[in-house]
Amino acid sequence: MPTIYDNIDEILADDLRDTLSESYKSDFCVGYFNLRGWNNVTDIVDTYGGQDENCCRLIVGMQRPSEDLLKQVLANQKPGLVDQAKVVALKKAMAHEFREQLTFGIPKAVDEKSLRQLF
């Protein structure tokens, strides 16, 4: 059953842990992803087998700034059409952003391990 968490009225990590502990598969679609927050649930997700019917899928979609969208339209680029090189570049950029998260505070080995498991 799909559940939407707003992280305002609920403690997100607690509710996710409760739900995931009763699940064999999970799909996440998030607007912003914090790697250190992911560490709150990795022990449960790691128990999934990894096959199509026993896995965790994570979609991270950070909103592009309006300026970027305007530049794309003015350049007559068709939104949504992306070649393989662009996909690779976007993945590298996202991995770089996640690595940047680890530079705040004191980086821990578990944070780096989580990052490596996602890619």
Protein backbone atom coordinates (compact mmCIF):
# COMPACT_ATOMS: atom_id res chain seq x y z
CA MET A 1 0.00 0.00 0.00
CA PRO A 2 1.55 3.36 -1.00
CA THR A 3 2.25 5.76 1.82
CA ILE A 4 3.21 9.41 1.51
CA TYR A 5 5.42 10.75 4.29
CA ASP A 6 5.60 14.48 4.76
CA ASN A 7 8.09 14.41 7.65
CA ILE A 8 6.08 17.12 9.38
CA ASP A 9 3.62 15.26 11.59
CA GLU A 10 5.47 11.94 11.64
CA ILE A 11 9.01 10.95 12.50
CA LEU A 12 10.04 9.72 9.08
CA ALA A 13 12.78 7.31 10.13
CA ASP A 14 10.59 5.60 12.74
CA ASP A 15 7.63 5.15 10.38
CA LEU A 16 9.85 3.92 7.55
CA ARG A 17 11.53 1.38 9.78
CA ASP A 18 8.14 0.07 10.94
CA THR A 19 6.86 -0.22 7.37
CA LEU A 20 10.06 -1.70 5.93
CA SER A 21 10.32 -4.33 8.65
CA GLU A 22 6.97 -5.72 7.44
CA SER A 23 7.89 -5.50 3.74
CA TYR A 24 9.82 -7.58 1.23
CA LYS A 25 10.06 -4.86 -1.43
CA SER A 26 10.04 -1.05 -1.42
CA ASP A 27 9.96 1.80 -3.90
CA PHE A 28 10.98 5.31 -2.90
CA CYS A 29 10.47 8.48 -4.88
CA VAL A 30 11.99 11.46 -3.10
CA GLY A 31 12.54 15.09 -3.98
CA TYR A 32 15.69 15.33 -1.89
CA PHE A 33 17.90 12.52 -0.66
CA ASN A 34 20.12 12.73 2.40
CA LEU A 35 22.68 9.95 2.51
CA ARG A 36 23.06 10.04 6.27
CA GLY A 37 19.31 9.69 6.65
CA TRP A 38 19.42 6.60 4.45
CA ASN A 39 21.64 4.95 7.05
CA ASN A 40 18.56 4.78 9.30
CA VAL A 41 17.03 2.06 7.10
CA THR A 42 19.91 0.30 5.32
CA ASP A 43 20.03 -2.57 7.80
CA ILE A 44 16.45 -3.49 6.86
CA VAL A 45 16.82 -2.88 3.12
CA ASP A 46 19.97 -5.02 3.12
CA THR A 47 17.83 -8.04 4.11
CA TYR A 48 15.99 -7.86 0.76
CA GLY A 49 17.26 -10.42 -1.75
CA GLY A 50 17.83 -7.94 -4.57
CA GLN A 51 15.72 -9.69 -7.21
CA ASP A 52 12.93 -7.80 -9.00
CA GLU A 53 10.30 -8.97 -6.52
CA ASN A 54 12.51 -8.60 -3.46
CA CYS A 55 14.37 -5.30 -3.78
CA CYS A 56 14.44 -1.63 -2.94
CA ARG A 57 14.24 0.98 -5.71
CA LEU A 58 15.06 4.62 -5.11
CA ILE A 59 14.25 7.50 -7.45
CA VAL A 60 15.77 10.84 -6.53
CA GLY A 61 14.39 13.85 -8.37
CA MET A 62 15.73 17.20 -7.33
CA GLN A 63 13.86 20.11 -8.89
CA ARG A 64 15.85 21.93 -11.51
CA PRO A 65 16.10 25.69 -11.07
CA SER A 66 13.68 27.69 -13.23
CA GLU A 67 16.65 29.39 -14.87
CA ASP A 68 17.89 26.03 -16.21
CA LEU A 69 14.46 25.16 -17.59
CA LEU A 70 14.18 28.53 -19.30
CA LYS A 71 17.64 28.17 -20.86
CA GLN A 72 16.65 24.72 -22.14
CA VAL A 73 13.48 26.05 -23.78
CA LEU A 74 15.25 29.05 -25.30
CA ALA A 75 17.95 26.79 -26.72
CA ASN A 76 15.21 24.81 -28.53
CA GLN A 77 16.15 21.62 -26.74
CA LYS A 78 13.41 19.07 -26.42
CA PRO A 79 12.83 18.42 -22.72
CA GLY A 80 12.96 14.79 -21.73
CA LEU A 81 15.23 13.63 -24.55
CA VAL A 82 18.51 12.50 -23.03
CA ASP A 83 21.28 10.47 -24.65
CA GLN A 84 23.41 7.88 -22.85
CA ALA A 85 26.30 10.30 -22.36
CA LYS A 86 23.98 12.71 -20.58
CA VAL A 87 22.66 9.90 -18.35
CA VAL A 88 26.22 9.01 -17.33
CA ALA A 89 27.02 12.68 -16.66
CA LEU A 90 23.87 13.09 -14.54
CA LYS A 91 24.70 9.98 -12.50
CA LYS A 92 28.21 11.30 -11.87
CA ALA A 93 26.84 14.69 -10.85
CA MET A 94 24.39 13.07 -8.42
CA ALA A 95 27.12 10.89 -6.92
CA HIS A 96 29.23 14.04 -6.50
CA GLU A 97 26.37 15.77 -4.65
CA PHE A 98 26.01 12.76 -2.34
CA ARG A 99 29.77 12.77 -1.70
CA GLU A 100 29.52 16.46 -0.84
CA GLN A 101 26.96 15.58 1.85
CA LEU A 102 29.61 13.44 3.51
CA THR A 103 31.96 16.40 3.86
CA PHE A 104 29.69 18.06 6.43
CA GLY A 105 30.52 17.07 9.95
CA ILE A 106 32.77 14.12 10.59
CA PRO A 107 32.50 11.56 7.77
CA LYS A 108 31.92 8.00 8.92
CA ALA A 109 32.79 4.74 7.20
CA VAL A 110 29.13 3.68 7.31
CA ASP A 111 28.18 6.80 5.30
CA GLU A 112 30.67 5.95 2.57
CA LYS A 113 29.53 2.32 2.56
CA SER A 114 25.93 3.43 2.02
CA LEU A 115 26.95 5.64 -0.87
CA ARG A 116 28.84 2.79 -2.54
CA GLN A 117 25.86 0.41 -2.14
CA LEU A 118 23.56 2.83 -3.95
CA PHE A 119 25.72 2.92 -7.08
